[in-house]
């Protein structure tokens, strides 16, 4: 019976040792998964930061272009306004004369 008892004790000890090996492996696996997750989060944060930086650069460039376009459009508009004022001043005498002629002609026809 001692032999059987010794064998059972050895079997229980081997089972406990196997359970410890499995627990150690499981803990190491969980630690490695946590480490991999942290590394992935760092990579994601760095990538997100780079994308945001690129976006801000493009936004600044397009805003600069937009400012130049607005200034150019304002200048073109001012030139067109001045041209219209010049043209209106040039033809205003003729328009007034034509209106007076129409009014006086209409009044003469009505009498």
Protein backbone atom coordinates (compact mmCIF):
# COMPACT_ATOMS: atom_id res chain seq x y z
CA UNK A 1 0.00 0.00 0.00
CA UNK A 2 2.88 2.34 0.64
CA UNK A 3 3.87 2.03 -2.96
CA UNK A 4 0.41 3.00 -4.05
CA UNK A 5 0.35 5.88 -1.59
CA UNK A 6 3.75 7.05 -2.79
CA UNK A 7 2.56 6.83 -6.39
CA UNK A 8 -0.58 8.81 -5.57
CA UNK A 9 1.51 11.42 -3.78
CA UNK A 10 3.81 11.65 -6.80
CA UNK A 11 0.82 11.92 -9.08
CA UNK A 12 -0.68 14.71 -6.95
CA UNK A 13 2.65 16.52 -6.84
CA UNK A 14 3.01 16.20 -10.63
CA UNK A 15 -0.54 17.48 -11.07
CA UNK A 16 0.18 20.48 -8.84
CA UNK A 17 3.42 21.15 -10.72
CA UNK A 18 1.56 20.94 -14.05
CA UNK A 19 -1.10 23.31 -12.72
CA UNK A 20 1.61 25.77 -11.66
CA UNK A 21 3.21 25.53 -15.11
CA UNK A 22 -0.16 26.18 -16.76
CA UNK A 23 -0.87 29.12 -14.41
CA UNK A 24 2.58 30.58 -15.04
CA UNK A 25 2.13 30.23 -18.80
CA UNK A 26 -1.35 31.80 -18.58
CA UNK A 27 -0.01 34.73 -16.53
CA UNK A 28 2.87 35.24 -18.98
CA UNK A 29 0.42 35.14 -21.87
CA UNK A 30 -1.83 37.73 -20.21
CA UNK A 31 1.19 39.96 -19.47
CA UNK A 32 2.32 39.69 -23.09
CA UNK A 33 -1.19 40.51 -24.34
CA UNK A 34 -1.30 43.59 -22.08
CA UNK A 35 2.12 44.63 -23.36
CA UNK A 36 1.04 44.13 -26.99
CA UNK A 37 -2.11 46.16 -26.36
CA UNK A 38 -0.09 49.02 -24.82
CA UNK A 39 2.35 48.97 -27.76
CA UNK A 40 -0.54 49.02 -30.24
CA UNK A 41 -2.14 51.95 -28.41
CA UNK A 42 1.16 53.87 -28.56
CA UNK A 43 1.45 53.18 -32.29
CA UNK A 44 -2.15 54.26 -32.84
CA UNK A 45 -1.57 57.47 -30.87
CA UNK A 46 1.58 58.25 -32.88
CA UNK A 47 -0.22 57.54 -36.17
CA UNK A 48 -3.21 59.66 -35.14
CA UNK A 49 -0.88 62.47 -34.14
CA UNK A 50 0.91 62.33 -37.51
CA UNK A 51 -2.38 62.32 -39.44
CA UNK A 52 -3.64 65.29 -37.39
CA UNK A 53 -0.40 67.17 -38.05
CA UNK A 54 -0.67 66.50 -41.80
CA UNK A 55 -4.30 67.62 -41.74
CA UNK A 56 -3.42 70.85 -39.93
CA UNK A 57 -0.65 71.57 -42.48
CA UNK A 58 -3.02 71.03 -45.39
CA UNK A 59 -5.65 73.15 -43.70
CA UNK A 60 -3.16 75.96 -43.16
CA UNK A 61 -2.03 75.75 -46.79
CA UNK A 62 -5.57 75.84 -48.13
CA UNK A 63 -6.45 78.71 -45.79
CA UNK A 64 -3.45 80.63 -47.07
CA UNK A 65 -4.54 79.98 -50.63
CA UNK A 66 -8.07 81.01 -49.73
CA UNK A 67 -6.81 84.29 -48.29
CA UNK A 68 -4.90 85.01 -51.49
CA UNK A 69 -7.99 84.18 -53.54
CA UNK A 70 -10.17 86.47 -51.43
CA UNK A 71 -7.67 89.32 -51.84
CA UNK A 72 -7.49 88.74 -55.60
CA UNK A 73 -11.30 88.69 -55.86
CA UNK A 74 -11.55 91.90 -53.83
CA UNK A 75 -9.08 93.61 -56.16
CA UNK A 76 -10.94 92.39 -59.25
CA UNK A 77 -14.23 93.59 -57.75
CA UNK A 78 -12.79 97.03 -57.00
CA UNK A 79 -11.52 97.30 -60.58
CA UNK A 80 -14.94 96.33 -61.95
CA UNK A 81 -16.68 98.86 -59.68
CA UNK A 82 -14.34 101.61 -60.85
CA UNK A 83 -14.95 100.63 -64.49
CA UNK A 84 -18.71 100.77 -63.92
CA UNK A 85 -18.44 104.19 -62.24
CA UNK A 86 -16.33 105.50 -65.11
CA UNK A 87 -18.73 104.11 -67.70
CA UNK A 88 -21.76 105.48 -65.80
CA UNK A 89 -20.14 108.92 -65.59
CA UNK A 90 -19.33 108.80 -69.31
CA UNK A 91 -22.88 107.93 -70.44
CA UNK A 92 -24.88 109.74 -67.74
CA UNK A 93 -25.04 112.97 -69.78
CA UNK A 94 -26.38 111.06 -72.79
CA UNK A 95 -28.93 109.21 -70.62
CA UNK A 96 -30.17 112.46 -69.04
CA UNK A 97 -30.46 114.07 -72.48
CA UNK A 98 -32.38 111.08 -73.83
CA UNK A 99 -34.76 111.07 -70.83
CA UNK A 100 -35.39 114.81 -71.16
CA UNK A 101 -36.04 114.36 -74.85
CA UNK A 102 -38.54 111.57 -74.15
CA UNK A 103 -40.31 113.60 -71.45
CA UNK A 104 -40.54 116.73 -73.55
CA UNK A 105 -41.64 114.74 -76.60
CA UNK A 106 -44.32 112.97 -74.56
CA UNK A 107 -45.52 116.27 -73.09
CA UNK A 108 -45.68 117.89 -76.56
CA UNK A 109 -47.61 114.94 -77.95
CA UNK A 110 -50.03 115.04 -75.04
CA UNK A 111 -50.88 118.72 -75.60
